[in-house]
Every structure is written in structure tokens, then in C-alpha cells.
Amino acid sequence: MSKPVLLGLAGAGLFIAALDAYVVVTLLPAMIADVGLTIDRFEQATPIVTGFLGGYVVAMPLLGAYSDARGRAPVYAACMVAFAAGSVVTATAGLWSFAGLPWLVAGRVLQGLGGGGLVPLSLALAADLYRGSARTLALGSVAGLQEAGSVFGPLYGSTLAALAASAGGWRFVFWLNLPLAAICTIGLLIATRRSPAPAGGSTSSVDWIGAVLLGLGLGLLVVALYPDDPDHRATGELLIPAGIGSVVFLALYGRRQVRRLEPLVPRDLLQSRTFIGAAASNLLIGVALMVALVDVPVLGRLVFSLDQLGSGLLLSRFLVGIPVGALLGGWLAGRMGARAAAVAGMALSAGAFLQMSTWPANELSLYFGPLRHADIALAVCGLGFGIVIAPLTAAVLALTRDQSHGLATSLVVLARTMGMMVGLSALTAFGIHRFHQILGTPVLTDPDLRARLDHLAKLVAAAFLQEYREIFSIAAAICAIAAVVMLLTIDQRLRATAIK
């Protein structure tokens, strides 16, 4: 069976899992209602989100390394089985007295464990199957499918739940994962048996203890950094206990990494300037990416007075640019080199953030021909973030043997994911602080109550606008720093060697 079919089946499974990562955005109110939570206890539902993210992060180093030793297809199939099992648990939450919120969270964790493994596995499979400039294009295609899930996930969930109201509503979305996962898994296993293409696998052993320690440490870090009640506090209530646990597990992993003859992460990889640069760049990219994902829809609601649908559509301009950029980045990296393509992508995003830092309160009424200024800036920003994915992945893959592609790709995605979590936590803390600092204590001397309320609303909107301008400026600086890091660390000769 042809390589495109094999990679397409893997990418289809990844797309399904990516949809599920974002599907709860629109389904969460109905989900928590069915497990007995009321809207005033909404903050208790945050483990539904952090559970998936935690499982996602824990799985990456573990399954990426395991696929290097045991082959891509068997591990991919196991991930899809875990994802499907988690979907069953999630879909049955609230149906029985014992299947409350903990049951729902367990289902999301299991989904995250399966879905988290699919990301590095699909990228590693693309690297296994292709050589030359075709490799970066394949990496870009896989990344594009993953990022497309973020675009269509919320819309997919709300539309499917509405159409299937008589068949379980939000539950139907998760039940549908079963046949979809089965089709992708069976198709991939059959395709792998018929294809002579390499699918990973070696005689090397996996440092299971090291992988578990690293996964648990990063998973607890996700929980520690997640702000569970951002309206009232900048940090989550589990910051200290989960943070201490994360430090302990990561310290144990570090000790094992130093002492083992064959550690989980090869020492020559950790000593590579290109790998350190790619990891640092991905961390910074994750922080800046979260600025757009969080602040653009909030800005739409609080400053531009859009409703929930309108603010979501505003963000969609940014989200659509990412998968398009991922495809473009794969094509560019094969022609102008990994470093040049990645730096160009970050320069685009930095420039877009700079323009966004100048947005006035009437930004949505400003047009450049038939297009709004805001839509152009958001699309260009997303395009830049998409462009860097394939070049940075290819740069890291160039440093590893074929037998280590699973671990290498998992480390790339891990860095960006952890950057997103750091960005979310920092954004919440900085945003709350700056808003109160800018607003201060308003002095209202208007003659009547209605005028005072209108005056206060204008002051609040102005404070939010100033806060977001500053955050966009910081995001532009972060993108610029990432570009400089890539310029100094990524070897331009990887144009020829990343794809050998």
C-alpha cells in the first residue's frame, strides 16, 4: 500500500483525537450539568480540561520512546484503543450514580493518554516513510491535520451534539469516536503489513522508569500551572502540592538521566545546540501561541462587545492560518532550509502581534479593501505559527537515527505544549494584575446612576484594551526572541541533512 495512504490513515486518527481535545469547549456546560454540577460550581469542572492535558503530556515521552523500540503501528493501535476506551468512559458519565465527575475526569485522562501518543507517532511515521524534501512536506501535512482539529473541534462538537439531540446529545460526539477509531486503526494495521516502508522498531530497550518519572513530573506541572478559577485568583489551588510533586519527580528523572548508561533521552541530543535551540524555541512559541488563543476571544467579548459566537469567529481567523501555515512551512523548509523557514514564520507572527498591539477600540470597523485589518493580522499571525512547526521538527529529526524518531518528535511537541501551559498561567497572573493596576479605583461623578454605569463600562473596556495591547506587545517580543534563538542555533545545512 502506498506511503500517502499509510500516512493518511495515521493522520486521520490524529485529526479525530485533535478534534476531541477542543470539543469540550462548546460541550462543557451540558457535560457538567449531566454529572450534577451547577453553573455556580463551574470551577470544579476544570479537571475535565486539565485531565486531558495531563494525560496528553504524560503519554508523549513514554509512547514516543516505546514506539522506537516496538514499532509505530502496534503502539499507534494501542493509543487508539486507549482513546476509544476513554471515549466510552466519558460518554457514560452521569448515567449511573457512581459515574459522576471523577468518572468523567478519568475518561478524559484516558483519552488524553491515547491522544497524546498519536502526535509524536504520526510525526515519527512521516519521518520514517519519507526522505529528501518530501519529509518536511509530510511533517507539515501531519502538523496541519493536528492543528486543523483546533479549528473545527468546537464547531464539530456543537453541531454534532445539536444534530444528535435525540441520540444522546453531547454523548453522541464521544460514541462516534468508536467506529472512527476502529476504521483508522484497522486500516493502519492492514496498510503496515502490506507496505515495505519502515515503521520504527529496534532492539533497543526503553527506560520505562525514566519515561514514567518524566511523564508524571510534566503531568503534575500541567496541573500546578492550570488556573482553575481565573476570575478570582491567578493561580490554581493545586499550585503548591502539584508543583512540589512535579519538582520531586523531575528531580528523580534528572538523577536517573545522569546515572544511566543508556538514558531515556540520548546525551548527545541534550548536548546538541540545535536540539536545545529547537526546544527553547518551541517553549517560547507555546507561550506566544496561548496569547492569541486566550486573549483574542476575550478581547472580542469585553472590548469589541461581540457575543460568544462572534468572538469565536474572530479567533477562527487565527486558527485557520495555522494548518495552512503548517503545509506551507513543510514546503518552504524543503526549499530554503529549516532555519530560514522557521525564522520567517516567527517574523510574520511577531509583526502581526505588533500590529495587534496598536488596535483601537473601533478596530473591527477598519478595513483594507474588502478585508478587516483585524482579520488580516490574525490570519498572518496564525500562518506564522503554522510555518515553524515542520522546520523545527525536521531540525530535531536530523539529529537522531531513524530508531529514535518517536522520542525526538515527542520532545518537540512536549516543549510547545509546556510552553502553552506556562503561557496560560503567566497570562492569567499578569492579566489580572495589570487590569486592576490600570483601572485603579474609578471616581465616578456622573449625575445619575445610568450615566455612572455607562462611564464605568467605558473605563473597564479601556483598561482591558490597554492590558491586551501590552500582552500583544509582549507576545511580539517573545516571537522575536524565538526567531533569534532559531537563527543562532538551527544549522542552515539541515536543508540537506534533515531529510536524509
Protein backbone atom coordinates (compact mmCIF):
# COMPACT_ATOMS: atom_id res chain seq x y z
CA MET A 1 0.00 0.00 0.00
CA SER A 2 1.28 3.47 -0.88
CA LYS A 3 3.00 5.74 1.60
CA PRO A 4 0.40 8.53 1.27
CA VAL A 5 -2.38 6.10 2.21
CA LEU A 6 -0.43 4.85 5.22
CA LEU A 7 0.33 8.36 6.42
CA GLY A 8 -3.22 9.47 5.63
CA LEU A 9 -4.69 6.79 7.89
CA ALA A 10 -2.37 7.80 10.72
CA GLY A 11 -3.20 11.45 10.16
CA ALA A 12 -6.93 10.73 10.16
CA GLY A 13 -6.69 9.15 13.61
CA LEU A 14 -4.64 12.11 14.82
CA PHE A 15 -7.27 14.51 13.44
CA ILE A 16 -10.03 12.68 15.34
CA ALA A 17 -8.07 12.91 18.58
CA ALA A 18 -7.28 16.59 17.93
CA LEU A 19 -10.98 17.29 17.45
CA ASP A 20 -11.66 15.75 20.84
CA ALA A 21 -9.03 17.89 22.53
CA TYR A 22 -11.06 21.01 21.72
CA VAL A 23 -14.57 19.58 21.52
CA VAL A 24 -15.27 20.24 25.21
CA VAL A 25 -15.05 23.99 24.63
CA THR A 26 -18.68 24.04 23.50
CA LEU A 27 -19.91 20.86 25.22
CA LEU A 28 -18.66 21.59 28.75
CA PRO A 29 -21.85 23.26 30.12
CA ALA A 30 -24.01 20.29 29.10
CA MET A 31 -21.42 17.79 30.33
CA ILE A 32 -21.12 19.24 33.82
CA ALA A 33 -24.90 19.54 34.13
CA ASP A 34 -25.27 15.82 33.47
CA VAL A 35 -22.80 14.93 36.25
CA GLY A 36 -24.61 17.07 38.80
CA LEU A 37 -22.62 20.30 38.78
CA THR A 38 -24.40 23.64 38.73
CA ILE A 39 -23.11 26.75 36.99
CA ASP A 40 -22.01 28.32 40.29
CA ARG A 41 -19.65 25.36 40.79
CA PHE A 42 -18.23 25.61 37.28
CA GLU A 43 -14.64 25.88 38.53
CA GLN A 44 -14.88 22.29 39.79
CA ALA A 45 -15.06 21.18 36.16
CA THR A 46 -11.52 22.32 35.34
CA PRO A 47 -10.12 18.76 35.83
CA ILE A 48 -12.08 17.83 32.70
CA VAL A 49 -9.68 20.07 30.79
CA THR A 50 -6.53 19.53 32.83
CA GLY A 51 -7.16 15.77 32.93
CA PHE A 52 -6.94 15.55 29.15
CA LEU A 53 -3.86 17.79 29.06
CA GLY A 54 -2.21 15.85 31.87
CA GLY A 55 -2.75 12.53 30.10
CA TYR A 56 -1.57 14.10 26.86
CA VAL A 57 1.74 15.23 28.38
CA VAL A 58 2.36 12.02 30.35
CA ALA A 59 1.92 9.86 27.25
CA MET A 60 4.27 11.66 24.88
CA PRO A 61 7.74 10.70 26.19
CA LEU A 62 6.55 7.25 27.23
CA LEU A 63 4.88 6.20 23.98
CA GLY A 64 7.25 8.06 21.70
CA ALA A 65 10.20 6.13 23.11
CA TYR A 66 8.27 2.84 23.19
CA SER A 67 7.37 3.13 19.50
CA ASP A 68 11.08 3.44 18.72
CA ALA A 69 11.65 0.06 20.33
CA ARG A 70 8.48 -1.79 19.34
CA GLY A 71 7.31 -0.22 16.08
CA ARG A 72 4.90 2.57 15.20
CA ALA A 73 1.83 0.58 14.15
CA PRO A 74 1.37 -1.56 17.30
CA VAL A 75 1.83 1.42 19.62
CA TYR A 76 -0.42 3.57 17.42
CA ALA A 77 -3.12 0.89 17.64
CA ALA A 78 -2.75 0.75 21.43
CA CYS A 79 -3.14 4.53 21.61
CA MET A 80 -6.32 4.39 19.55
CA VAL A 81 -7.70 1.65 21.80
CA ALA A 82 -6.97 3.79 24.88
CA PHE A 83 -8.56 6.81 23.19
CA ALA A 84 -11.67 4.78 22.32
CA ALA A 85 -11.89 3.34 25.85
CA GLY A 86 -11.64 6.85 27.28
CA SER A 87 -14.42 7.95 24.94
CA VAL A 88 -16.67 5.20 26.32
CA VAL A 89 -15.98 6.25 29.90
CA THR A 90 -16.60 9.91 29.04
CA ALA A 91 -19.82 9.17 27.15
CA THR A 92 -21.28 7.17 30.06
CA ALA A 93 -20.58 9.83 32.70
CA GLY A 94 -23.72 10.73 34.62
CA LEU A 95 -25.69 7.67 33.54
CA TRP A 96 -25.26 5.93 36.90
CA SER A 97 -24.96 7.19 40.44
CA PHE A 98 -21.28 6.23 40.67
CA ALA A 99 -20.40 7.79 37.30
CA GLY A 100 -20.08 11.40 38.42
CA LEU A 101 -17.36 14.00 37.92
CA PRO A 102 -14.44 11.66 38.86
CA TRP A 103 -15.70 9.19 36.24
CA LEU A 104 -15.83 11.92 33.62
CA VAL A 105 -12.34 13.15 34.51
CA ALA A 106 -10.99 9.58 34.32
CA GLY A 107 -12.43 9.27 30.84
CA ARG A 108 -10.77 12.49 29.72
CA VAL A 109 -7.41 11.40 31.21
CA LEU A 110 -7.63 8.11 29.31
CA GLN A 111 -8.50 9.98 26.13
CA GLY A 112 -5.52 12.26 26.71
CA LEU A 113 -3.18 9.30 27.22
CA GLY A 114 -4.23 7.83 23.88
CA GLY A 115 -4.40 11.12 22.02
CA GLY A 116 -1.05 12.32 23.37
CA GLY A 117 0.72 9.31 21.93
CA LEU A 118 -0.74 9.85 18.46
CA VAL A 119 1.02 13.19 17.92
CA PRO A 120 4.68 12.04 18.06
CA LEU A 121 3.79 8.69 16.49
CA SER A 122 2.25 10.31 13.40
CA LEU A 123 5.17 12.71 13.02
CA ALA A 124 7.67 9.88 13.51
CA LEU A 125 5.85 7.75 10.93
CA ALA A 126 6.09 10.63 8.45
CA ALA A 127 9.83 10.80 9.11
CA ASP A 128 10.16 7.02 8.72
CA LEU A 129 8.34 6.94 5.40
CA TYR A 130 9.86 9.90 3.58
CA ARG A 131 13.28 11.22 2.70
CA GLY A 132 14.53 14.33 0.96
CA SER A 133 12.35 17.43 0.69
CA ALA A 134 9.29 15.17 0.81
CA ARG A 135 9.93 14.62 4.53
CA THR A 136 9.33 18.22 5.58
CA LEU A 137 6.22 18.36 3.39
CA ALA A 138 4.93 15.18 5.06
CA LEU A 139 5.68 16.61 8.50
CA GLY A 140 3.82 19.78 7.56
CA SER A 141 0.83 17.77 6.36
CA VAL A 142 0.61 15.82 9.63
CA ALA A 143 1.01 19.01 11.66
CA GLY A 144 -1.66 20.65 9.52
CA LEU A 145 -4.14 17.87 10.33
CA GLN A 146 -3.41 18.18 14.03
CA GLU A 147 -3.85 21.94 14.02
CA ALA A 148 -7.00 21.70 11.90
CA GLY A 149 -8.55 19.85 14.83
CA SER A 150 -8.27 23.03 16.90
CA VAL A 151 -10.16 24.93 14.19
CA PHE A 152 -13.03 22.50 13.72
CA GLY A 153 -13.20 20.93 17.20
CA PRO A 154 -15.58 23.40 18.90
CA LEU A 155 -17.79 23.71 15.78
CA TYR A 156 -17.73 19.93 15.26
CA GLY A 157 -18.85 19.28 18.83
CA SER A 158 -21.68 21.80 18.96
CA THR A 159 -23.01 20.90 15.51
CA LEU A 160 -22.90 17.15 16.06
CA ALA A 161 -24.47 17.43 19.53
CA ALA A 162 -27.30 19.56 18.14
CA LEU A 163 -27.98 17.21 15.21
CA ALA A 164 -27.89 14.18 17.51
CA ALA A 165 -30.04 15.66 20.30
CA SER A 166 -32.33 12.62 20.25
CA ALA A 167 -29.37 10.23 20.25
CA GLY A 168 -27.69 11.46 23.41
CA GLY A 169 -26.61 15.00 22.54
CA TRP A 170 -23.03 15.58 23.70
CA ARG A 171 -22.60 11.86 24.45
CA PHE A 172 -23.06 11.03 20.77
CA VAL A 173 -19.90 13.02 19.98
CA PHE A 174 -17.86 10.61 22.10
CA TRP A 175 -19.71 7.47 21.00
CA LEU A 176 -18.89 8.36 17.40
CA ASN A 177 -15.18 8.07 18.25
CA LEU A 178 -15.50 4.28 18.47
CA PRO A 179 -16.24 3.48 14.79
CA LEU A 180 -13.91 6.25 13.61
CA ALA A 181 -11.04 4.95 15.77
CA ALA A 182 -11.72 1.37 14.62
CA ILE A 183 -11.59 2.33 10.94
CA CYS A 184 -8.29 4.20 11.34
CA THR A 185 -6.67 1.50 13.48
CA ILE A 186 -7.65 -1.48 11.35
CA GLY A 187 -6.77 0.38 8.17
CA LEU A 188 -3.33 1.34 9.51
CA LEU A 189 -2.53 -2.19 10.68
CA ILE A 190 -3.52 -3.64 7.30
CA ALA A 191 -1.61 -0.95 5.43
CA THR A 192 1.51 -1.50 7.54
CA ARG A 193 1.53 -5.23 6.79
CA ARG A 194 1.25 -4.61 3.06
CA SER A 195 3.76 -1.76 2.93
CA PRO A 196 7.52 -2.31 2.76
CA ALA A 197 8.05 1.12 4.30
CA PRO A 198 9.82 1.27 7.66
CA ALA A 199 7.59 1.64 10.70
CA GLY A 200 10.10 2.00 13.50
CA GLY A 201 11.14 -0.74 15.84
CA SER A 202 14.55 -1.75 17.07
CA THR A 203 16.19 -4.00 19.57
CA SER A 204 16.89 -1.13 21.95
CA SER A 205 15.27 -1.14 25.37
CA VAL A 206 13.13 1.59 26.83
CA ASP A 207 13.94 3.21 30.15
CA TRP A 208 10.42 2.72 31.48
CA ILE A 209 11.19 4.14 34.89
CA GLY A 210 12.76 7.26 33.40
CA ALA A 211 9.83 7.73 31.00
CA VAL A 212 7.29 7.35 33.80
CA LEU A 213 9.15 9.78 36.07
CA LEU A 214 9.41 12.37 33.28
CA GLY A 215 5.76 11.94 32.31
CA LEU A 216 4.49 12.21 35.87
CA GLY A 217 6.67 15.24 36.56
CA LEU A 218 5.38 17.06 33.48
CA GLY A 219 1.80 15.96 34.11
CA LEU A 220 1.87 17.36 37.64
CA LEU A 221 3.41 20.55 36.26
CA VAL A 222 0.38 20.91 33.97
CA VAL A 223 -1.93 20.55 36.95
CA ALA A 224 0.13 23.02 39.00
CA LEU A 225 0.15 25.69 36.30
CA TYR A 226 -3.51 25.45 35.33
CA PRO A 227 -5.54 28.41 36.71
CA ASP A 228 -8.79 26.77 37.89
CA ASP A 229 -10.60 30.00 38.83
CA PRO A 230 -9.02 32.86 36.86
CA ASP A 231 -11.80 35.31 37.74
CA HIS A 232 -10.77 35.29 41.39
CA ARG A 233 -7.14 34.14 41.55
CA ALA A 234 -4.17 33.99 39.22
CA THR A 235 -3.02 30.51 40.24
CA GLY A 236 -4.82 27.24 40.88
CA GLU A 237 -5.38 25.89 44.36
CA LEU A 238 -3.21 22.88 43.49
CA LEU A 239 -0.20 25.03 42.56
CA ILE A 240 1.85 24.20 45.68
CA PRO A 241 1.12 20.47 46.19
CA ALA A 242 1.22 19.62 42.47
CA GLY A 243 4.25 21.87 41.99
CA ILE A 244 6.16 20.11 44.78
CA GLY A 245 5.23 16.72 43.34
CA SER A 246 6.40 17.85 39.89
CA VAL A 247 9.77 19.02 41.25
CA VAL A 248 10.27 15.72 43.07
CA PHE A 249 9.52 13.54 40.04
CA LEU A 250 11.55 15.70 37.66
CA ALA A 251 14.48 15.66 40.09
CA LEU A 252 14.30 11.86 40.27
CA TYR A 253 14.22 11.73 36.48
CA GLY A 254 17.22 14.07 36.25
CA ARG A 255 19.16 11.87 38.66
CA ARG A 256 18.35 8.80 36.58
CA GLN A 257 19.21 10.59 33.32
CA VAL A 258 22.69 11.39 34.65
CA ARG A 259 23.43 7.95 36.12
CA ARG A 260 22.13 5.54 33.45
CA LEU A 261 24.41 4.29 30.71
CA GLU A 262 21.50 4.46 28.23
CA PRO A 263 19.18 7.19 29.50
CA LEU A 264 15.73 7.90 28.09
CA VAL A 265 16.95 10.99 26.20
CA PRO A 266 20.31 10.37 24.47
CA ARG A 267 23.04 12.55 25.95
CA ASP A 268 24.32 13.65 22.55
CA LEU A 269 20.84 15.07 21.87
CA LEU A 270 20.92 17.10 25.08
CA GLN A 271 24.38 18.36 24.16
CA SER A 272 23.28 19.49 20.72
CA ARG A 273 22.94 23.24 20.17
CA THR A 274 20.27 22.63 17.55
CA PHE A 275 18.15 20.48 19.86
CA ILE A 276 18.42 22.93 22.77
CA GLY A 277 17.55 25.77 20.40
CA ALA A 278 14.58 23.94 18.90
CA ALA A 279 13.26 23.02 22.36
CA ALA A 280 13.69 26.58 23.68
CA SER A 281 12.06 28.00 20.56
CA ASN A 282 9.10 25.63 20.88
CA LEU A 283 8.69 26.60 24.52
CA LEU A 284 8.59 30.29 23.58
CA ILE A 285 6.24 29.58 20.67
CA GLY A 286 3.84 27.81 23.04
CA VAL A 287 3.78 30.84 25.34
CA ALA A 288 3.06 33.25 22.48
CA LEU A 289 0.52 30.90 20.93
CA MET A 290 -1.50 30.89 24.13
CA VAL A 291 -1.70 34.70 24.00
CA ALA A 292 -3.74 34.52 20.80
CA LEU A 293 -5.83 31.54 21.87
CA VAL A 294 -6.84 33.10 25.18
CA ASP A 295 -6.84 36.85 24.62
CA VAL A 296 -8.40 37.25 21.18
CA PRO A 297 -11.84 35.82 22.09
CA VAL A 298 -11.81 37.60 25.47
CA LEU A 299 -10.91 40.86 23.74
CA GLY A 300 -13.82 40.31 21.38
CA ARG A 301 -16.25 39.90 24.27
CA LEU A 302 -15.03 42.61 26.63
CA VAL A 303 -13.79 45.34 24.27
CA PHE A 304 -15.46 44.80 20.91
CA SER A 305 -18.82 43.77 22.52
CA LEU A 306 -19.15 40.57 20.45
CA ASP A 307 -21.27 37.65 21.58
CA GLN A 308 -19.81 34.19 22.17
CA LEU A 309 -20.27 33.16 18.54
CA GLY A 310 -18.79 36.42 17.27
CA SER A 311 -15.71 36.17 19.47
CA GLY A 312 -15.23 32.56 18.38
CA LEU A 313 -15.44 33.56 14.73
CA LEU A 314 -12.88 36.29 15.37
CA LEU A 315 -10.43 33.71 16.74
CA SER A 316 -11.18 31.42 13.79
CA ARG A 317 -9.23 33.80 11.52
CA PHE A 318 -6.14 32.98 13.55
CA LEU A 319 -6.88 29.26 13.80
CA VAL A 320 -7.41 28.81 10.07
CA GLY A 321 -3.97 30.26 9.41
CA ILE A 322 -2.18 27.59 11.48
CA PRO A 323 -2.91 24.45 9.38
CA VAL A 324 -2.37 26.43 6.18
CA GLY A 325 0.96 27.63 7.58
CA ALA A 326 1.92 24.09 8.60
CA LEU A 327 1.59 22.91 5.00
CA LEU A 328 3.43 25.98 3.72
CA GLY A 329 6.19 25.53 6.30
CA GLY A 330 6.82 21.96 5.16
CA TRP A 331 7.14 23.13 1.57
CA LEU A 332 9.37 26.10 2.43
CA ALA A 333 11.71 24.09 4.67
CA GLY A 334 12.49 21.72 1.82
CA ARG A 335 13.48 24.62 -0.42
CA MET A 336 15.00 27.36 1.71
CA GLY A 337 16.17 25.32 4.71
CA ALA A 338 14.77 24.68 8.17
CA ARG A 339 16.31 27.75 9.79
CA ALA A 340 15.22 30.26 7.16
CA ALA A 341 11.66 28.92 7.05
CA ALA A 342 11.28 28.86 10.85
CA VAL A 343 12.69 32.36 11.30
CA ALA A 344 10.41 33.69 8.55
CA GLY A 345 7.39 32.18 10.31
CA MET A 346 8.24 33.76 13.63
CA ALA A 347 8.91 37.10 11.97
CA LEU A 348 5.40 37.01 10.49
CA SER A 349 3.82 36.29 13.88
CA ALA A 350 5.92 38.95 15.61
CA GLY A 351 4.87 41.55 13.06
CA ALA A 352 1.22 40.58 13.39
CA PHE A 353 1.34 40.84 17.18
CA LEU A 354 2.95 44.27 16.87
CA GLN A 355 0.07 45.43 14.69
CA MET A 356 -2.41 43.94 17.16
CA SER A 357 -0.75 45.90 19.98
CA THR A 358 -1.96 49.09 18.28
CA TRP A 359 -5.61 48.06 17.93
CA PRO A 360 -8.05 50.83 18.88
CA ALA A 361 -11.49 50.24 20.36
CA ASN A 362 -13.06 50.51 16.88
CA GLU A 363 -10.59 48.09 15.26
CA LEU A 364 -13.33 45.89 13.80
CA SER A 365 -14.66 48.80 11.75
CA LEU A 366 -11.33 49.40 9.98
CA TYR A 367 -10.95 47.84 6.53
CA PHE A 368 -8.21 47.31 3.98
CA GLY A 369 -10.24 46.95 0.82
CA PRO A 370 -12.87 44.25 1.46
CA LEU A 371 -10.96 42.78 4.43
CA ARG A 372 -10.85 43.99 8.02
CA HIS A 373 -7.45 44.92 9.44
CA ALA A 374 -8.04 42.59 12.39
CA ASP A 375 -8.82 39.59 10.19
CA ILE A 376 -5.64 40.09 8.16
CA ALA A 377 -3.47 40.43 11.27
CA LEU A 378 -4.95 37.33 12.91
CA ALA A 379 -4.62 35.21 9.75
CA VAL A 380 -0.98 36.28 9.28
CA CYS A 381 -0.24 35.57 12.95
CA GLY A 382 -1.67 32.06 12.68
CA LEU A 383 0.15 31.49 9.40
CA GLY A 384 3.47 32.31 11.06
CA PHE A 385 2.85 29.88 13.93
CA GLY A 386 1.98 27.16 11.45
CA ILE A 387 5.07 27.72 9.30
CA VAL A 388 7.53 26.96 12.12
CA ILE A 389 6.13 23.51 13.00
CA ALA A 390 7.66 21.37 10.24
CA PRO A 391 11.08 23.13 10.10
CA LEU A 392 11.70 22.77 13.85
CA THR A 393 10.55 19.14 13.81
CA ALA A 394 12.79 18.39 10.83
CA ALA A 395 15.73 20.07 12.52
CA VAL A 396 15.44 17.79 15.56
CA LEU A 397 14.86 14.68 13.44
CA ALA A 398 18.10 15.45 11.61
CA LEU A 399 19.98 14.85 14.85
CA THR A 400 18.55 11.40 15.51
CA ARG A 401 18.69 7.99 13.97
CA ASP A 402 15.55 6.52 12.44
CA GLN A 403 15.18 4.37 15.55
CA SER A 404 14.74 7.47 17.73
CA HIS A 405 12.20 9.42 15.70
CA GLY A 406 9.35 8.70 18.13
CA LEU A 407 11.21 10.10 21.12
CA ALA A 408 12.53 13.08 19.16
CA THR A 409 9.11 14.15 17.90
CA SER A 410 7.57 13.70 21.34
CA LEU A 411 10.16 16.06 22.84
CA VAL A 412 9.40 18.68 20.17
CA VAL A 413 5.66 18.59 20.86
CA LEU A 414 6.23 18.44 24.61
CA ALA A 415 8.22 21.67 24.60
CA ARG A 416 5.45 23.54 22.78
CA THR A 417 2.72 22.06 24.99
CA MET A 418 4.54 23.01 28.18
CA GLY A 419 5.11 26.49 26.79
CA MET A 420 1.36 26.80 26.29
CA MET A 421 0.72 25.85 29.90
CA VAL A 422 3.36 28.29 31.17
CA GLY A 423 1.82 30.94 28.95
CA LEU A 424 -1.69 30.28 30.26
CA SER A 425 -0.57 30.58 33.86
CA ALA A 426 1.55 33.68 33.24
CA LEU A 427 -1.19 35.33 31.18
CA THR A 428 -3.72 34.84 33.94
CA ALA A 429 -1.45 36.24 36.62
CA PHE A 430 -0.22 39.19 34.57
CA GLY A 431 -3.64 39.98 33.13
CA ILE A 432 -5.41 40.14 36.47
CA HIS A 433 -2.61 42.25 37.97
CA ARG A 434 -2.42 44.73 35.08
CA PHE A 435 -6.19 45.12 34.78
CA HIS A 436 -6.58 46.13 38.41
CA GLN A 437 -3.48 48.31 38.17
CA ILE A 438 -4.72 50.16 35.09
CA LEU A 439 -8.32 50.51 36.29
CA GLY A 440 -7.40 51.55 39.83
CA THR A 441 -10.31 52.88 41.85
CA PRO A 442 -12.61 54.73 39.42
CA VAL A 443 -14.01 58.04 40.64
CA LEU A 444 -17.48 58.47 39.14
CA THR A 445 -19.10 61.91 39.46
CA ASP A 446 -21.87 61.49 36.91
CA PRO A 447 -25.24 62.92 37.94
CA ASP A 448 -27.36 59.75 37.69
CA LEU A 449 -26.91 56.01 38.12
CA ARG A 450 -27.30 55.14 34.44
CA ALA A 451 -24.59 57.61 33.44
CA ARG A 452 -22.27 56.24 36.14
CA LEU A 453 -22.77 52.68 34.90
CA ASP A 454 -22.05 53.70 31.31
CA HIS A 455 -18.96 55.61 32.45
CA LEU A 456 -17.73 52.61 34.45
CA ALA A 457 -18.30 50.27 31.49
CA LYS A 458 -16.17 52.55 29.28
CA LEU A 459 -13.39 52.67 31.89
CA VAL A 460 -13.40 48.87 32.21
CA ALA A 461 -13.29 48.38 28.43
CA ALA A 462 -10.43 50.89 28.15
CA ALA A 463 -8.50 49.09 30.90
CA PHE A 464 -8.97 45.74 29.17
CA LEU A 465 -7.87 47.21 25.84
CA GLN A 466 -4.69 48.65 27.38
CA GLU A 467 -3.97 45.33 29.10
CA TYR A 468 -4.33 43.36 25.86
CA ARG A 469 -2.21 45.83 23.92
CA GLU A 470 0.60 45.27 26.40
CA ILE A 471 0.17 41.49 26.24
CA PHE A 472 0.29 41.54 22.44
CA SER A 473 3.49 43.61 22.64
CA ILE A 474 5.00 41.02 24.99
CA ALA A 475 3.93 38.24 22.59
CA ALA A 476 5.66 40.07 19.72
CA ALA A 477 8.85 40.25 21.79
CA ILE A 478 8.62 36.54 22.63
CA CYS A 479 8.25 35.68 18.93
CA ALA A 480 11.25 37.87 18.12
CA ILE A 481 13.33 36.15 20.81
CA ALA A 482 12.29 32.75 19.42
CA ALA A 483 13.38 33.88 15.95
CA VAL A 484 16.77 34.96 17.28
CA VAL A 485 17.22 31.66 19.13
CA MET A 486 16.47 29.74 15.94
CA LEU A 487 18.78 31.96 13.92
CA LEU A 488 21.66 31.27 16.33
CA THR A 489 21.10 27.55 16.93
CA ILE A 490 19.50 25.89 13.91
CA ASP A 491 22.09 24.80 11.36
CA GLN A 492 21.15 26.04 7.88
CA ARG A 493 22.89 22.99 6.43
CA LEU A 494 19.92 20.99 7.72
CA ARG A 495 18.36 21.82 4.38
CA ALA A 496 20.31 18.88 3.08
CA THR A 497 20.71 16.68 6.12
CA ALA A 498 17.37 16.97 7.96
CA ILE A 499 15.82 14.91 5.39
CA LYS A 500 18.42 12.34 4.62
